Amino acid sequence: MRSERAVLAELLERALPPSARRRIYSVALVEKRWASVVGPEIARRSEPETLENGVLTVRVMDPAWGKMILKLQGRIVPALNRALGKGLVRRINFTKRDKLQNPAPIAPAPEKSVALGPPPESVIRASEGISDEELRAAVRKSASLYLRAREDRGRK
């Protein structure tokens, strides 16, 4: 007896033109690798929507996360292509949606033994324009960790 999956695959094979099958297959490949490439924080706030002519459109609920993805695309695109084993993605766009269709699960935060204290005033001022509270907190924490590491390297 054939599985439901095999029956569905055969139906799609007959019903869809080859170009549509390639698009569906390509975006499905990207979806499978998305979380491992972008990490849990970005993955739970975004998901691949379409892939056409090398342009991956990513669905986000908050444009701040879309902008973050755009800033990181120089790292994300090569990493995705390495993970896929193909050069399917050339660049990334994002689109704002009211909700994600398949949000990544929220992983519990690992325990950190580093006590940072409050971020420097310069970091607080620079991050005030970030409307998303979680993103603002993540930026402040990252900046504080970076500044502390830079300070530690300067002492050596």
N, C-alpha and C. Protein backbone atom coordinates (compact mmCIF):
# COMPACT_ATOMS: atom_id res chain seq x y z
N MET A 1 0.85 -1.19 0.00
CA MET A 1 0.00 0.00 0.00
C MET A 1 0.89 1.25 0.00
N ARG A 2 0.58 2.20 -0.87
CA ARG A 2 1.37 3.43 -0.98
C ARG A 2 0.98 4.42 0.11
N SER A 3 1.98 5.16 0.53
CA SER A 3 1.73 6.14 1.59
C SER A 3 0.97 7.34 1.04
N GLU A 4 0.35 8.09 1.95
CA GLU A 4 -0.35 9.32 1.55
C GLU A 4 0.62 10.29 0.90
N ARG A 5 1.82 10.30 1.42
CA ARG A 5 2.85 11.20 0.89
C ARG A 5 3.17 10.86 -0.57
N ALA A 6 3.30 9.59 -0.88
CA ALA A 6 3.60 9.17 -2.25
C ALA A 6 2.44 9.51 -3.19
N VAL A 7 1.22 9.32 -2.71
CA VAL A 7 0.05 9.65 -3.52
C VAL A 7 0.01 11.15 -3.79
N LEU A 8 0.25 11.95 -2.76
CA LEU A 8 0.25 13.40 -2.91
C LEU A 8 1.36 13.84 -3.87
N ALA A 9 2.54 13.26 -3.74
CA ALA A 9 3.66 13.61 -4.62
C ALA A 9 3.30 13.31 -6.07
N GLU A 10 2.64 12.19 -6.30
CA GLU A 10 2.25 11.83 -7.67
C GLU A 10 1.21 12.80 -8.21
N LEU A 11 0.24 13.17 -7.37
CA LEU A 11 -0.78 14.14 -7.79
C LEU A 11 -0.15 15.48 -8.16
N LEU A 12 0.76 15.95 -7.32
CA LEU A 12 1.44 17.21 -7.60
C LEU A 12 2.26 17.12 -8.88
N GLU A 13 2.91 15.99 -9.04
CA GLU A 13 3.72 15.77 -10.25
C GLU A 13 2.86 15.92 -11.51
N ARG A 14 1.66 15.37 -11.46
CA ARG A 14 0.78 15.46 -12.63
C ARG A 14 0.09 16.80 -12.77
N ALA A 15 -0.23 17.45 -11.62
CA ALA A 15 -1.04 18.66 -11.66
C ALA A 15 -0.24 19.94 -11.89
N LEU A 16 1.00 19.98 -11.43
CA LEU A 16 1.77 21.22 -11.50
C LEU A 16 2.75 21.21 -12.67
N PRO A 17 2.90 22.36 -13.30
CA PRO A 17 3.93 22.45 -14.34
C PRO A 17 5.32 22.35 -13.70
N PRO A 18 6.34 21.96 -14.47
CA PRO A 18 7.69 21.78 -13.91
C PRO A 18 8.22 23.01 -13.17
N SER A 19 7.96 24.21 -13.69
CA SER A 19 8.49 25.41 -13.04
C SER A 19 7.89 25.59 -11.64
N ALA A 20 6.61 25.29 -11.47
CA ALA A 20 5.96 25.40 -10.16
C ALA A 20 6.51 24.34 -9.21
N ARG A 21 6.73 23.13 -9.71
CA ARG A 21 7.29 22.07 -8.87
C ARG A 21 8.68 22.45 -8.38
N ARG A 22 9.50 23.05 -9.26
CA ARG A 22 10.85 23.47 -8.86
C ARG A 22 10.80 24.53 -7.77
N ARG A 23 9.87 25.50 -7.91
CA ARG A 23 9.76 26.56 -6.89
C ARG A 23 9.35 25.99 -5.55
N ILE A 24 8.35 25.11 -5.57
CA ILE A 24 7.87 24.50 -4.33
C ILE A 24 8.98 23.68 -3.69
N TYR A 25 9.68 22.90 -4.49
CA TYR A 25 10.78 22.07 -3.99
C TYR A 25 11.89 22.95 -3.40
N SER A 26 12.24 24.01 -4.10
CA SER A 26 13.33 24.89 -3.66
C SER A 26 13.00 25.58 -2.35
N VAL A 27 11.80 26.13 -2.22
CA VAL A 27 11.46 26.81 -0.97
C VAL A 27 11.33 25.79 0.17
N ALA A 28 10.90 24.58 -0.12
CA ALA A 28 10.83 23.54 0.91
C ALA A 28 12.24 23.19 1.41
N LEU A 29 13.21 23.14 0.50
CA LEU A 29 14.59 22.89 0.91
C LEU A 29 15.09 23.99 1.84
N VAL A 30 14.82 25.23 1.47
CA VAL A 30 15.25 26.37 2.28
C VAL A 30 14.58 26.31 3.65
N GLU A 31 13.27 26.02 3.69
CA GLU A 31 12.55 25.93 4.96
C GLU A 31 13.20 24.92 5.90
N LYS A 32 13.62 23.77 5.35
CA LYS A 32 14.23 22.73 6.17
C LYS A 32 15.53 23.18 6.82
N ARG A 33 16.27 24.05 6.15
CA ARG A 33 17.59 24.47 6.63
C ARG A 33 17.57 25.84 7.34
N TRP A 34 16.47 26.56 7.26
CA TRP A 34 16.40 27.95 7.73
C TRP A 34 16.88 28.09 9.18
N ALA A 35 16.28 27.35 10.10
CA ALA A 35 16.59 27.51 11.52
C ALA A 35 18.06 27.19 11.82
N SER A 36 18.59 26.16 11.18
CA SER A 36 19.98 25.81 11.46
C SER A 36 20.95 26.85 10.90
N VAL A 37 20.54 27.58 9.87
CA VAL A 37 21.41 28.60 9.29
C VAL A 37 21.31 29.92 10.03
N VAL A 38 20.09 30.38 10.33
CA VAL A 38 19.92 31.71 10.93
C VAL A 38 19.93 31.69 12.46
N GLY A 39 19.78 30.53 13.06
CA GLY A 39 19.75 30.44 14.52
C GLY A 39 18.34 30.58 15.07
N PRO A 40 18.15 30.20 16.33
CA PRO A 40 16.81 30.13 16.91
C PRO A 40 16.11 31.48 17.06
N GLU A 41 16.85 32.54 17.37
CA GLU A 41 16.21 33.84 17.59
C GLU A 41 15.58 34.37 16.31
N ILE A 42 16.30 34.32 15.21
CA ILE A 42 15.75 34.80 13.93
C ILE A 42 14.71 33.81 13.41
N ALA A 43 14.97 32.51 13.58
CA ALA A 43 14.06 31.48 13.05
C ALA A 43 12.67 31.56 13.67
N ARG A 44 12.59 31.92 14.95
CA ARG A 44 11.25 31.96 15.54
C ARG A 44 10.51 33.24 15.21
N ARG A 45 11.17 34.16 14.53
CA ARG A 45 10.54 35.43 14.14
C ARG A 45 10.42 35.58 12.63
N SER A 46 10.78 34.54 11.89
CA SER A 46 10.76 34.64 10.43
C SER A 46 10.62 33.25 9.83
N GLU A 47 10.25 33.22 8.55
CA GLU A 47 10.22 31.96 7.82
C GLU A 47 10.25 32.24 6.33
N PRO A 48 10.89 31.36 5.57
CA PRO A 48 10.91 31.53 4.11
C PRO A 48 9.49 31.45 3.55
N GLU A 49 9.20 32.35 2.62
CA GLU A 49 7.87 32.37 2.01
C GLU A 49 7.93 31.91 0.55
N THR A 50 8.80 32.53 -0.23
CA THR A 50 8.93 32.15 -1.64
C THR A 50 10.40 32.23 -2.04
N LEU A 51 10.73 31.52 -3.11
CA LEU A 51 12.06 31.59 -3.71
C LEU A 51 11.86 31.59 -5.22
N GLU A 52 12.11 32.75 -5.80
CA GLU A 52 11.95 32.88 -7.25
C GLU A 52 13.14 33.61 -7.84
N ASN A 53 13.71 33.03 -8.88
CA ASN A 53 14.85 33.63 -9.58
C ASN A 53 15.98 34.01 -8.63
N GLY A 54 16.23 33.18 -7.64
CA GLY A 54 17.32 33.42 -6.70
C GLY A 54 17.00 34.39 -5.58
N VAL A 55 15.78 34.94 -5.56
CA VAL A 55 15.40 35.90 -4.51
C VAL A 55 14.50 35.18 -3.50
N LEU A 56 15.01 35.07 -2.27
CA LEU A 56 14.27 34.45 -1.18
C LEU A 56 13.49 35.55 -0.46
N THR A 57 12.17 35.40 -0.43
CA THR A 57 11.34 36.33 0.33
C THR A 57 11.02 35.66 1.66
N VAL A 58 11.33 36.39 2.73
CA VAL A 58 11.17 35.87 4.09
C VAL A 58 10.01 36.61 4.74
N ARG A 59 9.13 35.86 5.38
CA ARG A 59 7.97 36.40 6.09
C ARG A 59 8.39 36.76 7.51
N VAL A 60 8.06 37.99 7.94
CA VAL A 60 8.32 38.42 9.32
C VAL A 60 7.08 39.12 9.85
N MET A 61 6.93 39.13 11.15
CA MET A 61 5.81 39.86 11.75
C MET A 61 6.22 41.28 12.11
N ASP A 62 7.49 41.50 12.33
CA ASP A 62 8.00 42.81 12.72
C ASP A 62 9.08 43.22 11.72
N PRO A 63 8.91 44.36 11.05
CA PRO A 63 9.91 44.79 10.06
C PRO A 63 11.32 44.95 10.64
N ALA A 64 11.45 45.16 11.95
CA ALA A 64 12.78 45.27 12.55
C ALA A 64 13.56 43.97 12.34
N TRP A 65 12.87 42.82 12.42
CA TRP A 65 13.55 41.55 12.19
C TRP A 65 13.87 41.38 10.71
N GLY A 66 13.00 41.87 9.85
CA GLY A 66 13.30 41.82 8.41
C GLY A 66 14.54 42.63 8.09
N LYS A 67 14.66 43.79 8.70
CA LYS A 67 15.84 44.63 8.48
C LYS A 67 17.09 43.95 9.02
N MET A 68 16.97 43.26 10.14
CA MET A 68 18.10 42.53 10.70
C MET A 68 18.55 41.44 9.71
N ILE A 69 17.59 40.73 9.13
CA ILE A 69 17.91 39.69 8.16
C ILE A 69 18.60 40.30 6.94
N LEU A 70 18.10 41.44 6.48
CA LEU A 70 18.74 42.11 5.34
C LEU A 70 20.19 42.48 5.66
N LYS A 71 20.42 42.97 6.87
CA LYS A 71 21.78 43.34 7.26
C LYS A 71 22.69 42.11 7.34
N LEU A 72 22.12 40.97 7.67
CA LEU A 72 22.90 39.74 7.81
C LEU A 72 22.93 38.89 6.55
N GLN A 73 22.28 39.34 5.47
CA GLN A 73 22.19 38.47 4.30
C GLN A 73 23.55 38.13 3.69
N GLY A 74 24.55 38.97 3.91
CA GLY A 74 25.90 38.66 3.42
C GLY A 74 26.45 37.39 4.06
N ARG A 75 25.96 37.06 5.24
CA ARG A 75 26.34 35.81 5.92
C ARG A 75 25.31 34.71 5.67
N ILE A 76 24.03 35.10 5.66
CA ILE A 76 22.95 34.11 5.55
C ILE A 76 22.96 33.44 4.18
N VAL A 77 23.07 34.23 3.11
CA VAL A 77 22.98 33.67 1.75
C VAL A 77 24.06 32.61 1.51
N PRO A 78 25.35 32.89 1.77
CA PRO A 78 26.35 31.83 1.55
C PRO A 78 26.14 30.62 2.45
N ALA A 79 25.72 30.86 3.69
CA ALA A 79 25.49 29.74 4.62
C ALA A 79 24.32 28.88 4.14
N LEU A 80 23.26 29.51 3.66
CA LEU A 80 22.12 28.76 3.11
C LEU A 80 22.56 27.92 1.92
N ASN A 81 23.29 28.55 1.02
CA ASN A 81 23.73 27.83 -0.19
C ASN A 81 24.66 26.67 0.17
N ARG A 82 25.51 26.84 1.18
CA ARG A 82 26.36 25.72 1.63
C ARG A 82 25.48 24.61 2.20
N ALA A 83 24.49 24.99 3.01
CA ALA A 83 23.62 23.99 3.64
C ALA A 83 22.77 23.26 2.60
N LEU A 84 22.41 23.96 1.53
CA LEU A 84 21.58 23.36 0.49
C LEU A 84 22.41 22.56 -0.50
N GLY A 85 23.70 22.87 -0.57
CA GLY A 85 24.56 22.22 -1.55
C GLY A 85 24.33 22.75 -2.95
N LYS A 86 23.64 23.86 -3.05
CA LYS A 86 23.33 24.47 -4.34
C LYS A 86 23.34 25.98 -4.17
N GLY A 87 23.53 26.69 -5.26
CA GLY A 87 23.48 28.15 -5.23
C GLY A 87 22.08 28.66 -5.57
N LEU A 88 21.09 28.24 -4.80
CA LEU A 88 19.71 28.62 -5.09
C LEU A 88 19.39 30.07 -4.73
N VAL A 89 20.03 30.59 -3.68
CA VAL A 89 19.67 31.90 -3.15
C VAL A 89 20.76 32.92 -3.52
N ARG A 90 20.35 34.02 -4.14
CA ARG A 90 21.28 35.11 -4.47
C ARG A 90 21.12 36.28 -3.51
N ARG A 91 19.87 36.55 -3.11
CA ARG A 91 19.62 37.65 -2.18
C ARG A 91 18.32 37.40 -1.44
N ILE A 92 18.07 38.26 -0.42
CA ILE A 92 16.91 38.09 0.45
C ILE A 92 16.10 39.38 0.47
N ASN A 93 14.79 39.24 0.43
CA ASN A 93 13.84 40.32 0.70
C ASN A 93 12.99 39.87 1.87
N PHE A 94 12.23 40.78 2.44
CA PHE A 94 11.29 40.35 3.47
C PHE A 94 9.94 40.99 3.23
N THR A 95 8.91 40.36 3.77
CA THR A 95 7.57 40.88 3.70
C THR A 95 6.95 40.75 5.09
N LYS A 96 6.22 41.79 5.50
CA LYS A 96 5.57 41.77 6.81
C LYS A 96 4.23 41.06 6.70
N ARG A 97 3.98 40.16 7.61
CA ARG A 97 2.70 39.45 7.69
C ARG A 97 2.20 39.54 9.12
N ASP A 98 0.90 39.32 9.30
CA ASP A 98 0.32 39.38 10.64
C ASP A 98 0.73 38.20 11.51
N LYS A 99 1.04 37.07 10.87
CA LYS A 99 1.48 35.91 11.64
C LYS A 99 2.34 35.02 10.77
N LEU A 100 3.14 34.19 11.43
CA LEU A 100 3.95 33.20 10.74
C LEU A 100 3.11 31.93 10.59
N GLN A 101 3.33 31.21 9.50
CA GLN A 101 2.54 29.99 9.28
C GLN A 101 3.09 28.80 10.06
N ASN A 102 4.41 28.70 10.14
CA ASN A 102 5.05 27.59 10.85
C ASN A 102 6.17 28.11 11.73
N PRO A 103 5.84 28.84 12.80
CA PRO A 103 6.90 29.42 13.62
C PRO A 103 7.78 28.35 14.26
N ALA A 104 9.06 28.65 14.33
CA ALA A 104 10.00 27.72 14.98
C ALA A 104 9.70 27.71 16.48
N PRO A 105 9.88 26.57 17.11
CA PRO A 105 9.62 26.49 18.56
C PRO A 105 10.60 27.37 19.33
N ILE A 106 10.15 27.85 20.45
CA ILE A 106 10.99 28.67 21.31
C ILE A 106 11.84 27.75 22.16
N ALA A 107 13.14 27.83 21.96
CA ALA A 107 14.07 27.00 22.74
C ALA A 107 14.34 27.69 24.07
N PRO A 108 14.48 26.91 25.12
CA PRO A 108 14.81 27.53 26.41
C PRO A 108 16.18 28.19 26.32
N ALA A 109 16.29 29.34 26.93
CA ALA A 109 17.56 30.06 26.90
C ALA A 109 18.58 29.33 27.76
N PRO A 110 19.80 29.17 27.24
CA PRO A 110 20.82 28.51 28.05
C PRO A 110 21.22 29.41 29.22
N GLU A 111 21.60 28.79 30.30
CA GLU A 111 22.02 29.54 31.48
C GLU A 111 23.37 30.19 31.20
N LYS A 112 23.47 31.43 31.49
CA LYS A 112 24.72 32.17 31.29
C LYS A 112 25.31 32.48 32.67
N SER A 113 26.60 32.31 32.79
CA SER A 113 27.25 32.60 34.07
C SER A 113 27.87 33.99 34.06
N VAL A 114 27.73 34.71 32.94
CA VAL A 114 28.33 36.04 32.83
C VAL A 114 27.38 37.07 33.40
N ALA A 115 27.81 37.80 34.41
CA ALA A 115 27.02 38.88 34.98
C ALA A 115 27.44 40.16 34.28
N LEU A 116 26.55 40.72 33.49
CA LEU A 116 26.89 41.90 32.69
C LEU A 116 26.63 43.21 33.41
N GLY A 117 25.64 43.23 34.24
CA GLY A 117 25.24 44.51 34.81
C GLY A 117 24.51 45.31 33.75
N PRO A 118 24.17 46.55 34.05
CA PRO A 118 23.43 47.35 33.07
C PRO A 118 24.33 47.71 31.88
N PRO A 119 23.72 47.83 30.68
CA PRO A 119 24.53 48.21 29.51
C PRO A 119 25.02 49.64 29.65
N PRO A 120 26.12 49.97 28.99
CA PRO A 120 26.62 51.35 29.03
C PRO A 120 25.57 52.32 28.48
N GLU A 121 25.62 53.54 28.94
CA GLU A 121 24.66 54.57 28.52
C GLU A 121 24.67 54.76 27.00
N SER A 122 25.84 54.66 26.38
CA SER A 122 25.93 54.82 24.92
C SER A 122 25.13 53.74 24.19
N VAL A 123 25.14 52.53 24.73
CA VAL A 123 24.38 51.41 24.13
C VAL A 123 22.88 51.65 24.33
N ILE A 124 22.50 52.11 25.50
CA ILE A 124 21.09 52.39 25.77
C ILE A 124 20.57 53.46 24.81
N ARG A 125 21.33 54.55 24.66
CA ARG A 125 20.90 55.63 23.76
C ARG A 125 20.81 55.14 22.32
N ALA A 126 21.81 54.38 21.89
CA ALA A 126 21.85 53.92 20.50
C ALA A 126 20.71 52.95 20.18
N SER A 127 20.20 52.24 21.19
CA SER A 127 19.16 51.24 20.94
C SER A 127 17.75 51.73 21.24
N GLU A 128 17.59 52.97 21.66
CA GLU A 128 16.26 53.47 22.02
C GLU A 128 15.27 53.45 20.87
N GLY A 129 15.75 53.56 19.64
CA GLY A 129 14.85 53.59 18.49
C GLY A 129 14.32 52.23 18.07
N ILE A 130 14.74 51.16 18.71
CA ILE A 130 14.27 49.82 18.36
C ILE A 130 12.96 49.58 19.08
N SER A 131 11.87 49.43 18.32
CA SER A 131 10.54 49.33 18.93
C SER A 131 10.26 47.95 19.55
N ASP A 132 10.81 46.90 18.97
CA ASP A 132 10.59 45.55 19.48
C ASP A 132 11.40 45.36 20.76
N GLU A 133 10.71 45.12 21.88
CA GLU A 133 11.39 45.01 23.18
C GLU A 133 12.43 43.89 23.21
N GLU A 134 12.05 42.73 22.66
CA GLU A 134 12.98 41.60 22.68
C GLU A 134 14.23 41.89 21.84
N LEU A 135 14.02 42.50 20.68
CA LEU A 135 15.14 42.84 19.81
C LEU A 135 16.02 43.88 20.49
N ARG A 136 15.40 44.90 21.10
CA ARG A 136 16.17 45.93 21.79
C ARG A 136 17.02 45.31 22.91
N ALA A 137 16.42 44.40 23.68
CA ALA A 137 17.15 43.73 24.77
C ALA A 137 18.30 42.88 24.21
N ALA A 138 18.04 42.18 23.10
CA ALA A 138 19.08 41.34 22.49
C ALA A 138 20.23 42.19 21.97
N VAL A 139 19.91 43.33 21.35
CA VAL A 139 20.95 44.24 20.85
C VAL A 139 21.77 44.79 22.01
N ARG A 140 21.09 45.20 23.06
CA ARG A 140 21.81 45.75 24.24
C ARG A 140 22.73 44.69 24.86
N LYS A 141 22.22 43.47 24.97
CA LYS A 141 23.02 42.40 25.56
C LYS A 141 24.22 42.09 24.67
N SER A 142 23.98 41.97 23.36
CA SER A 142 25.08 41.68 22.42
C SER A 142 26.14 42.78 22.44
N ALA A 143 25.69 44.02 22.43
CA ALA A 143 26.64 45.14 22.46
C ALA A 143 27.43 45.14 23.76
N SER A 144 26.77 44.85 24.87
CA SER A 144 27.47 44.80 26.15
C SER A 144 28.50 43.68 26.17
N LEU A 145 28.14 42.50 25.66
CA LEU A 145 29.08 41.39 25.59
C LEU A 145 30.27 41.74 24.70
N TYR A 146 29.99 42.37 23.56
CA TYR A 146 31.06 42.78 22.64
C TYR A 146 32.01 43.77 23.32
N LEU A 147 31.44 44.78 23.95
CA LEU A 147 32.27 45.80 24.60
C LEU A 147 33.11 45.20 25.73
N ARG A 148 32.50 44.28 26.48
CA ARG A 148 33.25 43.63 27.57
C ARG A 148 34.40 42.80 27.00
N ALA A 149 34.14 42.04 25.91
CA ALA A 149 35.19 41.22 25.29
C ALA A 149 36.30 42.11 24.74
N ARG A 150 35.93 43.23 24.14
CA ARG A 150 36.93 44.16 23.61
C ARG A 150 37.77 44.74 24.73
N GLU A 151 37.10 45.07 25.82
CA GLU A 151 37.80 45.58 27.00
C GLU A 151 38.78 44.54 27.55
N ASP A 152 38.32 43.29 27.63
CA ASP A 152 39.17 42.21 28.13
C ASP A 152 40.38 42.00 27.23
N ARG A 153 40.19 42.06 25.92
CA ARG A 153 41.31 41.90 24.99
C ARG A 153 42.31 43.05 25.16
N GLY A 154 41.83 44.23 25.45
CA GLY A 154 42.70 45.40 25.63
C GLY A 154 43.56 45.29 26.87
N ARG A 155 43.11 44.53 27.85
CA ARG A 155 43.86 44.35 29.10
C ARG A 155 45.00 43.35 28.96
N LYS A 156 44.93 42.51 27.93
CA LYS A 156 45.94 41.44 27.78
C LYS A 156 47.18 41.95 27.12
